[in-house]
Protein backbone atom coordinates (compact mmCIF):
# COMPACT_ATOMS: atom_id res chain seq x y z
CA MET A 1 11.63 -29.96 -4.86
CA ASN A 2 9.79 -30.70 -0.67
CA VAL A 3 7.20 -28.05 -0.20
CA GLU A 4 8.26 -28.19 3.68
CA ARG A 5 11.48 -27.05 2.49
CA ALA A 6 10.79 -24.66 -0.20
CA THR A 7 13.17 -21.55 -0.18
CA VAL A 8 11.50 -18.18 -1.17
CA VAL A 9 12.92 -18.99 -4.77
CA ASP A 10 10.67 -22.48 -4.69
CA THR A 11 7.84 -20.47 -3.64
CA VAL A 12 7.49 -18.48 -6.31
CA ALA A 13 7.73 -21.40 -8.50
CA ILE A 14 5.28 -22.79 -6.85
CA GLN A 15 3.07 -19.93 -7.36
CA ARG A 16 3.68 -19.58 -11.06
CA SER A 17 3.40 -23.56 -11.66
CA THR A 18 -0.09 -23.94 -9.41
CA ARG A 19 -1.38 -20.72 -11.02
CA MET A 20 -1.59 -19.63 -6.69
CA SER A 21 -2.72 -16.20 -5.51
CA LYS A 22 -0.36 -13.67 -3.95
CA SER A 23 -1.90 -14.17 -0.54
CA GLU A 24 -1.62 -18.28 -1.16
CA ALA A 25 1.96 -17.96 -1.86
CA ILE A 26 2.18 -15.62 1.11
CA ASP A 27 1.13 -18.53 3.44
CA LEU A 28 2.96 -21.01 1.75
CA ALA A 29 6.24 -18.90 2.53
CA ARG A 30 5.05 -18.33 5.88
CA GLN A 31 4.34 -21.99 6.35
CA CYS A 32 7.80 -22.58 5.33
CA GLY A 33 9.37 -20.51 7.68
CA ALA A 34 9.90 -17.54 5.54
CA ILE A 35 9.28 -14.02 7.15
CA VAL A 36 7.37 -11.99 5.02
CA LEU A 37 6.77 -8.36 4.41
CA GLU A 38 3.96 -7.40 2.69
CA GLY A 39 1.72 -4.25 2.64
CA ARG A 40 -2.40 -4.05 1.71
CA ALA A 41 -4.54 -1.39 1.53
CA ARG A 42 -8.37 -0.91 2.32
CA ILE A 43 -10.50 1.77 0.84
CA GLU A 44 -13.43 3.35 2.99
CA LYS A 45 -15.82 4.70 0.83
CA PHE A 46 -18.45 7.67 2.22
CA HIS A 47 -21.20 9.99 0.98
CA ALA A 48 -20.38 13.78 0.65
CA ASP A 49 -22.89 14.21 3.33
CA ASP A 50 -21.89 11.83 5.55
CA ASP A 51 -20.79 12.64 9.10
CA LEU A 52 -17.30 10.57 8.86
CA THR A 53 -17.01 10.02 12.77
CA ARG A 54 -20.65 8.23 12.47
CA ALA A 55 -20.99 7.15 9.39
CA THR A 56 -20.60 3.40 7.63
CA PRO A 57 -19.09 3.72 4.36
CA TYR A 58 -20.78 2.50 1.81
CA GLU A 59 -18.30 0.25 0.30
CA VAL A 60 -15.31 -1.04 1.74
CA VAL A 61 -12.49 -2.35 -0.48
CA ASP A 62 -9.36 -4.58 1.06
CA THR A 63 -6.41 -5.64 -1.62
CA GLU A 64 -4.29 -8.32 -2.41
CA PRO A 65 -0.77 -7.77 -0.90
CA ASN A 66 1.39 -5.03 -2.67
CA LEU A 67 4.72 -4.51 -3.79
CA LEU A 68 8.01 -3.14 -1.66
CA LEU A 69 9.99 -1.39 -3.92
CA THR A 70 13.78 -1.33 -4.26
CA ALA A 71 13.83 2.44 -3.04
CA GLY A 72 11.89 2.16 -0.34
CA ALA A 73 13.71 -1.16 0.77
CA ASN A 74 16.91 0.54 0.44
CA LEU A 75 15.71 3.55 2.34
CA MET A 76 14.29 1.38 4.93
CA TRP A 77 17.49 -0.72 5.75
CA THR A 78 19.23 3.07 5.33
CA LEU A 79 17.71 4.34 7.92
CA LEU A 80 17.38 1.14 10.69
CA SER A 81 21.23 0.58 10.36
CA GLY A 82 21.32 4.99 11.74
CA GLY A 83 21.77 6.58 8.31
CA SER A 84 19.96 9.71 7.33
CA GLY A 85 16.98 9.61 5.20
CA THR A 86 13.24 11.20 5.42
CA VAL A 87 11.16 8.91 7.54
CA TYR A 88 7.20 8.42 6.79
CA ASN A 89 6.10 9.88 10.21
CA ALA A 90 3.19 12.19 10.57
CA SER A 91 4.94 14.67 9.02
CA ASN A 92 6.18 13.75 6.43
CA ALA A 93 4.12 10.68 5.01
CA ARG A 94 1.21 10.65 2.05
CA ILE A 95 -0.83 8.46 1.04
CA ALA A 96 -0.35 8.51 -2.86
CA VAL A 97 -3.25 7.57 -5.32
CA GLY A 98 -3.51 7.48 -9.45
CA SER A 99 -5.33 5.79 -12.24
CA GLY A 100 -1.98 3.85 -13.64
CA THR A 101 -2.46 0.40 -14.95
CA THR A 102 0.93 -1.15 -15.60
CA ALA A 103 2.16 -3.50 -13.21
CA ALA A 104 4.29 -2.67 -10.53
CA ALA A 105 7.58 -3.53 -10.51
CA ALA A 106 9.81 -3.39 -7.82
CA SER A 107 11.97 -1.02 -10.24
CA ASP A 108 9.17 1.72 -9.76
CA THR A 109 10.22 5.05 -8.07
CA THR A 110 6.60 6.64 -8.95
CA LEU A 111 2.76 6.23 -9.29
CA GLN A 112 2.73 5.60 -13.40
CA THR A 113 -0.51 8.37 -13.47
CA GLN A 114 -0.94 10.25 -10.04
CA HIS A 115 -4.15 12.38 -9.64
CA THR A 116 -4.44 15.76 -8.93
CA GLY A 117 -4.26 15.94 -4.93
CA GLY A 118 -3.89 12.19 -5.10
CA ARG A 119 -0.92 12.74 -2.65
CA GLN A 120 -2.63 13.36 0.61
CA GLN A 121 -0.97 13.74 4.36
CA VAL A 122 -1.52 11.12 6.53
CA THR A 123 -3.76 11.90 9.17
CA GLY A 124 -1.89 11.58 12.34
CA ALA A 125 1.19 9.06 13.86
CA PRO A 126 1.22 5.70 12.05
CA VAL A 127 -0.51 3.24 13.98
CA ILE A 128 2.23 0.83 15.40
CA ALA A 129 0.81 -2.82 16.61
CA THR A 130 2.24 -6.38 16.50
CA ASN A 131 4.19 -6.71 14.00
CA THR A 132 2.33 -4.36 11.47
CA ILE A 133 2.44 -0.54 11.15
CA THR A 134 -0.98 1.65 9.53
CA TYR A 135 -1.01 4.90 7.76
CA GLN A 136 -4.40 6.07 7.05
CA ALA A 137 -5.15 9.33 4.65
CA SER A 138 -8.42 10.95 3.79
CA PHE A 139 -9.45 12.45 0.08
CA GLY A 140 -11.84 14.46 0.44
CA THR A 141 -14.88 15.47 -2.09
CA SER A 142 -12.39 18.12 -4.32
CA VAL A 143 -9.31 15.87 -4.67
CA ALA A 144 -8.47 12.54 -6.76
CA ASN A 145 -11.04 12.18 -8.66
CA GLY A 146 -11.07 9.45 -11.02
CA GLU A 147 -10.57 5.85 -11.16
CA TRP A 148 -8.17 4.52 -8.35
CA ARG A 149 -5.94 1.74 -10.15
CA GLU A 150 -2.75 2.33 -8.09
CA ILE A 151 -1.95 3.50 -4.86
CA GLY A 152 1.51 3.55 -2.13
CA LEU A 153 3.20 5.00 0.39
CA VAL A 154 5.42 8.23 -0.25
CA ASN A 155 7.57 10.61 2.46
CA HIS A 156 7.34 13.73 0.78
CA ALA A 157 4.75 16.17 -0.65
CA SER A 158 5.81 16.27 -3.78
CA ALA A 159 8.62 13.71 -4.28
CA GLY A 160 10.11 11.85 -2.02
CA VAL A 161 10.88 7.90 -2.06
CA LEU A 162 7.98 5.55 -2.75
CA PHE A 163 7.95 2.72 -0.34
CA ASN A 164 5.30 0.81 -1.84
CA ARG A 165 3.20 0.16 -4.91
CA LEU A 166 -0.18 -1.22 -5.40
CA VAL A 167 -2.05 -1.84 -8.86
CA THR A 168 -5.88 -3.12 -8.57
CA ASN A 169 -9.07 -1.53 -9.48
CA MET A 170 -10.30 0.24 -6.25
CA GLY A 171 -13.43 2.06 -8.34
CA THR A 172 -14.00 5.36 -9.35
CA LYS A 173 -14.34 8.57 -6.69
CA THR A 174 -16.13 11.16 -7.55
CA ASN A 175 -16.67 15.01 -5.91
CA GLN A 176 -19.76 13.04 -4.26
CA ALA A 177 -17.70 10.84 -2.27
CA THR A 178 -14.85 10.86 0.36
CA TRP A 179 -12.74 8.08 0.71
CA ILE A 180 -10.35 6.87 3.43
CA ALA A 181 -7.55 4.99 2.50
CA SER A 182 -5.23 2.79 4.73
CA LEU A 183 -2.00 1.06 4.12
CA THR A 184 -0.74 -1.69 6.36
CA LEU A 185 2.39 -2.70 6.42
CA SER A 186 3.27 -6.28 8.35
CA ALA A 187 6.09 -8.69 8.71
CA GLY A 188 5.69 -12.16 10.07
């Protein structure tokens, strides 16, 4: 196989055979001309008594790429083609967090173990920039306390379609902290 002509399937095979990280495999796919839809999370951690308008986070966690789920992709195509469905806008979008550790699979439809209060409405309209859209939600001191091991974007307060899912250790949130979670989806 010629790396310059690798297909997406070839790229996955290359990643597995060379033990590349997801980021390296995505970079290789882009070098080979593939357009990649990826999502990443950023968690900014603040102490409970911080003024969030002026404070600097005591820690920032940036994640590896996450997995677009089949149900999320199907809804995206439905909405793109003019079909009906619930959009991921300021009124409907939520960032969901939980403690599940089972690896993400394209067939996932929910988080494995969502925290109490672990589904927070986004704080305003998503920000759209060149080939990206970013959602952000704040998790105050009284919600989503415990280990953060999974995160995703959902379009309803209690049900809805989970668009993506990431499983990684983001830390343990306590009632002495407010965490701000951002999910950025990009194509390119």
